[in-house]
């Protein structure tokens, strides 16, 4: 299958950290992104694990109790989690 280029804007420090982690795992950052996008297409879903600070943002943004909170794309975009 032919390959194409995907351009993504990301904070420079985040990219550097991601490259280091990928290298520790024996992968390239391109390989990591490829795997994540392939999984997204295959499952038609996105699974993210949130740290405690991000969990508090979900509660604040949605006005829901964290244990009951299920954030949908209609309620918010993922941009504020970054």
C-alpha atoms as a PDB file:
ATOM      1  CA  UNK A   1       0.000   0.000   0.000  1.00  0.00           C
ATOM      2  CA  UNK A   2       1.318   3.463  -0.897  1.00  0.00           C
ATOM      3  CA  UNK A   3       2.439   5.711   1.943  1.00  0.00           C
ATOM      4  CA  UNK A   4       1.476   9.358   2.409  1.00  0.00           C
ATOM      5  CA  UNK A   5       2.768  12.164   4.609  1.00  0.00           C
ATOM      6  CA  UNK A   6       0.808  13.346   7.663  1.00  0.00           C
ATOM      7  CA  UNK A   7       1.776  16.756   9.057  1.00  0.00           C
ATOM      8  CA  UNK A   8       0.874  17.356  12.693  1.00  0.00           C
ATOM      9  CA  UNK A   9       1.477  20.467  14.788  1.00  0.00           C
ATOM     10  CA  UNK A  10       2.736  19.555  18.250  1.00  0.00           C
ATOM     11  CA  UNK A  11       4.684  21.314  20.991  1.00  0.00           C
ATOM     12  CA  UNK A  12       8.424  20.932  20.410  1.00  0.00           C
ATOM     13  CA  UNK A  13       9.090  19.604  23.925  1.00  0.00           C
ATOM     14  CA  UNK A  14       6.282  17.049  23.607  1.00  0.00           C
ATOM     15  CA  UNK A  15       7.754  15.821  20.322  1.00  0.00           C
ATOM     16  CA  UNK A  16      11.232  15.472  21.845  1.00  0.00           C
ATOM     17  CA  UNK A  17       9.864  13.538  24.827  1.00  0.00           C
ATOM     18  CA  UNK A  18       7.817  11.291  22.541  1.00  0.00           C
ATOM     19  CA  UNK A  19      10.863  10.586  20.360  1.00  0.00           C
ATOM     20  CA  UNK A  20      12.918   9.611  23.421  1.00  0.00           C
ATOM     21  CA  UNK A  21      10.212   7.282  24.742  1.00  0.00           C
ATOM     22  CA  UNK A  22       9.709   5.714  21.307  1.00  0.00           C
ATOM     23  CA  UNK A  23      13.467   5.159  21.020  1.00  0.00           C
ATOM     24  CA  UNK A  24      13.512   3.489  24.471  1.00  0.00           C
ATOM     25  CA  UNK A  25      10.810   1.142  23.175  1.00  0.00           C
ATOM     26  CA  UNK A  26      12.806   0.429  20.017  1.00  0.00           C
ATOM     27  CA  UNK A  27      10.432   2.338  17.756  1.00  0.00           C
ATOM     28  CA  UNK A  28      10.447   5.524  15.727  1.00  0.00           C
ATOM     29  CA  UNK A  29       7.928   8.255  16.470  1.00  0.00           C
ATOM     30  CA  UNK A  30       6.570   7.661  12.970  1.00  0.00           C
ATOM     31  CA  UNK A  31       6.004   4.000  13.886  1.00  0.00           C
ATOM     32  CA  UNK A  32       4.160   5.000  17.057  1.00  0.00           C
ATOM     33  CA  UNK A  33       1.896   7.416  15.172  1.00  0.00           C
ATOM     34  CA  UNK A  34       1.290   4.795  12.459  1.00  0.00           C
ATOM     35  CA  UNK A  35       0.280   2.210  15.069  1.00  0.00           C
ATOM     36  CA  UNK A  36      -2.072   4.628  16.840  1.00  0.00           C
ATOM     37  CA  UNK A  37      -3.747   5.803  13.630  1.00  0.00           C
ATOM     38  CA  UNK A  38      -4.119   2.197  12.412  1.00  0.00           C
ATOM     39  CA  UNK A  39      -5.739   1.211  15.719  1.00  0.00           C
ATOM     40  CA  UNK A  40      -8.047   4.255  15.522  1.00  0.00           C
ATOM     41  CA  UNK A  41      -9.188   3.230  12.026  1.00  0.00           C
ATOM     42  CA  UNK A  42      -9.557  -0.444  12.980  1.00  0.00           C
ATOM     43  CA  UNK A  43     -11.567   0.145  16.184  1.00  0.00           C
ATOM     44  CA  UNK A  44     -13.269   3.424  15.228  1.00  0.00           C
ATOM     45  CA  UNK A  45     -12.575   4.564  18.784  1.00  0.00           C
ATOM     46  CA  UNK A  46      -9.936   6.400  20.749  1.00  0.00           C
ATOM     47  CA  UNK A  47      -8.812   5.266  24.176  1.00  0.00           C
ATOM     48  CA  UNK A  48      -6.816   7.693  26.315  1.00  0.00           C
ATOM     49  CA  UNK A  49      -5.583   7.232  29.854  1.00  0.00           C
ATOM     50  CA  UNK A  50      -5.812  10.449  31.852  1.00  0.00           C
ATOM     51  CA  UNK A  51      -3.565  11.568  34.693  1.00  0.00           C
ATOM     52  CA  UNK A  52      -5.163  13.027  37.830  1.00  0.00           C
ATOM     53  CA  UNK A  53      -4.904  16.635  36.633  1.00  0.00           C
ATOM     54  CA  UNK A  54      -6.647  15.769  33.364  1.00  0.00           C
ATOM     55  CA  UNK A  55      -9.338  13.834  35.237  1.00  0.00           C
ATOM     56  CA  UNK A  56     -10.067  16.982  37.260  1.00  0.00           C
ATOM     57  CA  UNK A  57     -10.317  18.959  33.996  1.00  0.00           C
ATOM     58  CA  UNK A  58     -12.907  16.470  32.706  1.00  0.00           C
ATOM     59  CA  UNK A  59     -14.967  16.917  35.863  1.00  0.00           C
ATOM     60  CA  UNK A  60     -14.687  20.703  35.681  1.00  0.00           C
ATOM     61  CA  UNK A  61     -15.441  20.913  31.950  1.00  0.00           C
ATOM     62  CA  UNK A  62     -18.423  18.574  32.032  1.00  0.00           C
ATOM     63  CA  UNK A  63     -19.798  19.384  35.476  1.00  0.00           C
ATOM     64  CA  UNK A  64     -20.095  15.641  36.116  1.00  0.00           C
ATOM     65  CA  UNK A  65     -18.856  13.438  38.920  1.00  0.00           C
ATOM     66  CA  UNK A  66     -15.649  11.784  37.638  1.00  0.00           C
ATOM     67  CA  UNK A  67     -16.925   8.233  38.186  1.00  0.00           C
ATOM     68  CA  UNK A  68     -20.062   9.067  36.193  1.00  0.00           C
ATOM     69  CA  UNK A  69     -18.298  11.209  33.575  1.00  0.00           C
ATOM     70  CA  UNK A  70     -18.227   9.935  30.028  1.00  0.00           C
ATOM     71  CA  UNK A  71     -17.056  12.760  27.819  1.00  0.00           C
ATOM     72  CA  UNK A  72     -18.429  12.650  24.286  1.00  0.00           C
ATOM     73  CA  UNK A  73     -17.241  14.598  21.265  1.00  0.00           C
ATOM     74  CA  UNK A  74     -20.442  16.645  21.453  1.00  0.00           C
ATOM     75  CA  UNK A  75     -19.534  17.860  24.946  1.00  0.00           C
ATOM     76  CA  UNK A  76     -15.937  18.880  24.310  1.00  0.00           C
ATOM     77  CA  UNK A  77     -12.952  18.445  22.055  1.00  0.00           C
ATOM     78  CA  UNK A  78      -9.736  16.786  23.174  1.00  0.00           C
ATOM     79  CA  UNK A  79      -7.759  20.010  22.633  1.00  0.00           C
ATOM     80  CA  UNK A  80      -8.188  21.159  26.248  1.00  0.00           C
ATOM     81  CA  UNK A  81      -6.630  17.931  27.564  1.00  0.00           C
ATOM     82  CA  UNK A  82      -3.255  18.803  26.097  1.00  0.00           C
END
